[in-house]
Protein backbone atom coordinates (compact mmCIF):
# COMPACT_ATOMS: atom_id res chain seq x y z
CA TYR A 1 85.94 102.93 89.43
CA SER A 2 82.31 101.99 88.40
CA ALA A 3 80.81 105.61 90.49
CA TRP A 4 83.63 107.50 88.06
CA LYS A 5 82.39 105.67 85.03
CA ALA A 6 79.03 106.20 85.56
CA ARG A 7 79.70 109.84 85.82
CA PHE A 8 81.64 110.67 82.72
CA PHE A 9 79.90 107.97 80.25
CA THR A 10 76.81 107.67 78.67
CA THR A 11 74.61 104.51 79.47
CA ASP A 12 75.52 103.11 76.07
CA GLU A 13 79.07 104.03 76.35
CA GLN A 14 79.23 102.11 79.92
CA ALA A 15 78.02 99.00 78.43
CA ASP A 16 80.87 99.27 75.81
CA PRO A 17 84.16 97.77 77.51
CA LEU A 18 85.72 99.07 74.70
CA ILE A 19 84.82 102.31 75.14
CA SER A 20 84.72 102.46 79.23
CA GLY A 21 86.85 99.62 80.49
CA GLU A 22 89.35 100.00 82.73
CA LEU A 23 92.33 99.41 79.98
CA ALA A 24 90.14 100.78 77.27
CA LEU A 25 91.91 104.09 76.03
CA SER A 26 89.89 106.78 76.64
CA PRO A 27 87.51 108.24 73.89
CA ALA A 28 89.50 111.69 73.70
CA GLY A 29 92.06 110.07 71.08
CA ASP A 30 94.74 110.78 73.87
CA GLY A 31 96.09 107.30 73.88
CA ILE A 32 95.51 107.66 77.75
CA ALA A 33 93.79 104.59 79.34
CA ASN A 34 90.54 105.26 81.18
CA LEU A 35 92.25 103.77 84.59
CA LEU A 36 94.50 106.40 84.52
CA LYS A 37 92.39 109.04 83.52
CA TYR A 38 90.21 107.89 86.76
CA ALA A 39 93.37 107.83 89.06
CA LEU A 40 94.61 111.43 87.84
CA GLY A 41 91.20 112.80 88.00
CA LEU A 42 90.66 113.41 84.43
CA ASP A 43 87.72 113.60 81.97
CA PRO A 44 88.20 110.51 79.82
CA HIS A 45 86.49 112.77 77.01
CA GLN A 46 88.99 115.57 77.19
CA ASP A 47 92.74 115.50 75.96
CA GLY A 48 94.97 114.51 79.17
CA SER A 49 98.30 114.67 77.95
CA PHE A 50 98.95 117.99 79.84
CA ALA A 51 98.45 116.22 82.89
CA LEU A 52 100.47 113.13 82.82
CA PRO A 53 103.00 112.62 85.51
CA ARG A 54 106.33 114.83 85.01
CA ILE A 55 109.91 114.38 85.23
CA THR A 56 112.57 117.08 86.26
CA ILE A 57 116.24 116.53 87.22
CA ASN A 58 117.82 117.96 90.61
CA ARG A 59 121.25 118.73 90.30
CA GLY A 60 123.91 120.02 93.10
CA SER A 61 126.94 118.65 94.47
CA ASP A 62 127.98 116.32 97.53
CA PRO A 63 128.93 118.61 100.62
CA SER A 64 131.87 116.19 101.52
CA THR A 65 133.35 115.16 97.95
CA GLY A 66 132.43 118.45 96.47
CA LEU A 67 131.50 116.01 93.32
CA PRO A 68 128.36 116.74 91.09
CA THR A 69 124.93 114.85 92.19
CA SER A 70 121.71 114.74 90.17
CA SER A 71 118.75 113.30 91.12
CA ALA A 72 115.47 112.62 89.18
CA SER A 73 111.85 113.80 90.74
CA LEU A 74 108.34 112.15 89.53
CA THR A 75 105.54 114.94 89.97
CA TYR A 76 101.84 114.01 89.56
CA ALA A 77 98.37 115.69 90.68
CA ILE A 78 95.15 113.99 91.59
CA SER A 79 91.58 115.15 92.31
CA ALA A 80 91.35 117.05 95.77
CA THR A 81 87.65 117.29 95.55
CA ASP A 82 87.23 113.33 94.71
CA PRO A 83 90.03 111.37 95.12
CA PRO A 84 90.10 108.00 94.13
CA ALA A 85 89.76 105.46 97.79
CA ASP A 86 90.96 102.44 95.30
CA ILE A 87 94.06 103.30 93.83
CA TYR A 88 97.39 103.65 95.42
CA TYR A 89 100.36 105.38 93.52
CA VAL A 90 103.61 103.62 93.61
CA PRO A 91 106.69 105.77 92.36
CA GLU A 92 109.70 103.33 90.85
CA LEU A 93 113.25 103.88 89.94
CA SER A 94 115.11 101.79 87.18
CA ALA A 95 118.71 102.01 86.24
CA ASP A 96 118.54 99.66 83.02
CA LEU A 97 114.77 99.65 82.22
CA GLN A 98 114.61 96.42 83.70
CA THR A 99 114.73 95.97 87.25
CA TRP A 100 112.55 98.92 89.15
CA VAL A 101 112.85 99.71 93.10
CA HIS A 102 110.72 101.62 95.10
CA GLY A 103 110.06 102.29 98.75
CA ASP A 104 111.41 104.89 101.41
CA THR A 105 114.79 104.03 100.82
CA VAL A 106 114.52 105.22 97.13
CA PHE A 107 112.58 108.39 97.31
CA LEU A 108 112.56 110.80 99.72
CA THR A 109 109.45 111.75 101.81
CA PRO A 110 106.94 113.40 99.20
CA ALA A 111 106.00 116.52 98.89
CA SER A 112 101.93 117.83 98.30
CA GLN A 113 100.52 121.19 97.49
CA ALA A 114 97.34 122.48 96.22
CA LEU A 115 97.20 123.37 92.81
CA PRO A 116 95.96 126.89 91.89
CA ASP A 117 92.61 125.58 90.23
CA GLY A 118 91.53 124.13 93.42
CA ASN A 119 90.56 120.96 92.01
CA HIS A 120 93.67 119.09 92.10
CA THR A 121 96.67 117.89 94.89
CA GLN A 122 100.19 117.73 92.97
CA PHE A 123 102.73 114.87 94.92
CA SER A 124 106.35 115.16 94.03
CA TYR A 125 109.35 112.37 94.66
CA GLN A 126 112.43 113.30 94.50
CA ALA A 127 114.59 109.99 94.38
CA VAL A 128 117.53 109.71 96.47
CA THR A 129 120.71 111.74 95.08
CA GLY A 130 122.82 109.49 93.06
CA SER A 131 126.11 110.43 90.84
CA THR A 132 125.53 112.08 87.87
CA ALA A 133 126.99 109.18 85.61
CA ALA A 134 124.23 106.84 86.98
CA PRO A 135 121.11 106.77 84.47
CA GLN A 136 117.76 107.34 86.40
CA PHE A 137 114.50 105.99 84.70
CA LEU A 138 110.96 106.75 86.80
CA ARG A 139 107.40 105.66 86.48
CA LEU A 140 104.20 106.10 88.13
CA LYS A 141 102.61 102.37 88.57
CA ILE A 142 99.00 102.95 89.20
CA ILE A 143 97.47 100.11 91.54
CA GLU A 144 93.72 99.62 91.87
CA GLY A 145 92.85 97.64 95.10
CA GLN A 146 95.48 96.90 97.74
CA ILE A 147 96.91 93.56 95.49
CA LEU A 148 100.35 92.31 95.91
CA PRO A 149 102.22 92.03 92.62
CA ASP A 150 102.94 88.21 91.90
CA ASP A 151 106.67 89.12 91.96
CA TRP A 152 107.00 90.62 95.10
CA GLN A 153 104.89 87.44 96.88
CA ILE A 154 107.33 85.23 95.36
CA SER A 155 110.57 87.46 96.24
CA ASN A 156 109.33 87.52 99.96
CA PHE A 157 107.22 84.35 100.27
CA GLY A 158 108.13 82.30 97.67
CA HIS A 159 104.93 81.62 96.64
CA THR A 160 101.65 83.69 95.90
CA GLY A 161 98.44 83.54 97.51
CA ILE A 162 99.43 86.03 100.22
CA ASP A 163 97.20 88.09 102.44
CA PRO A 164 97.46 91.72 101.70
CA ALA A 165 96.22 92.58 105.24
CA ALA A 166 98.52 90.04 107.21
CA ASP A 167 101.05 91.00 109.21
CA PRO A 168 103.66 88.30 109.67
CA ASP A 169 106.35 90.08 111.11
CA GLY A 170 104.29 91.44 113.78
CA ASP A 171 105.58 95.31 113.05
CA GLY A 172 101.84 96.73 112.85
CA HIS A 173 102.69 96.98 109.43
CA THR A 174 100.34 94.85 106.85
CA ASN A 175 101.84 93.03 103.91
CA PHE A 176 100.40 95.71 101.10
CA ASP A 177 101.72 98.69 103.93
CA GLU A 178 105.33 96.89 103.32
CA PHE A 179 104.95 96.83 99.88
CA LEU A 180 104.10 100.08 99.52
CA HIS A 181 107.32 101.31 101.72
CA GLY A 182 109.64 98.77 100.07
CA THR A 183 110.20 97.34 103.67
CA ASP A 184 110.70 93.87 104.53
CA PRO A 185 107.32 92.09 105.61
CA ASN A 186 109.64 89.08 107.46
CA ASP A 187 111.44 91.54 109.30
CA ILE A 188 110.41 93.37 111.90
CA TYR A 189 113.38 95.49 112.19
CA ASN A 190 113.24 95.74 108.22
CA GLY A 191 117.55 95.08 108.39
CA GLN A 192 118.57 97.39 110.98
CA ALA A 193 119.39 95.70 114.29
CA PRO A 194 118.13 97.68 117.32
CA THR A 195 120.83 99.50 119.63
CA LEU A 196 120.41 98.97 123.14
CA GLU A 197 122.03 101.19 125.58
CA ILE A 198 123.14 100.06 129.21
CA VAL A 199 122.96 102.87 131.63
CA SER A 200 123.96 102.69 134.98
CA GLY A 201 124.97 104.80 138.17
CA ASP A 202 123.33 107.78 139.45
CA GLY A 203 121.67 105.98 141.84
CA GLN A 204 119.44 103.97 139.75
CA ARG A 205 118.53 100.87 141.40
CA GLY A 206 117.67 97.25 139.86
CA TRP A 207 114.33 95.23 139.62
CA PRO A 208 113.32 94.03 141.85
CA SER A 209 114.24 96.36 144.66
């Protein structure tokens, strides 16, 4: 963020956190915080409302029942030439605006494409299809640095102070990776028991022979 701030703000503006601070509203007067403009690759002195994340509705039908289904998609774009290395983008879904969920079981594999301007890459996350009667609210959470939310730490470990780089279940994924993907940091199988297949015959030999 500091390099971005130095590139877009004057020396006097950089010295004033009310103007160039991460949570300060950008000087463009569009009501968008500087941190969000940094994350989306926008100029803090220009109106960025046109480039905010947007939501679309996908309608279809269940192939087995024929009942109508719908799912929402969240789309946003970031800089393609200088993407922020310290920002993580976490799409979240809620049915009541109170409880928010995210991860691989909530959203399909995201689609990405280069935008015509050549300066931005667009990402689209589609929520898993659901009933048309169930409301879906989407939002994009911006996280600066590998920081684990307190509620996630307490839910999974009972306390805060958890090391984001640790791997307590030994599955090769850090706690921060588990948070991003919505998986269980304490279960190597993430709730899916392994399947063992016993094969015999065909001249196979046991070990040792």
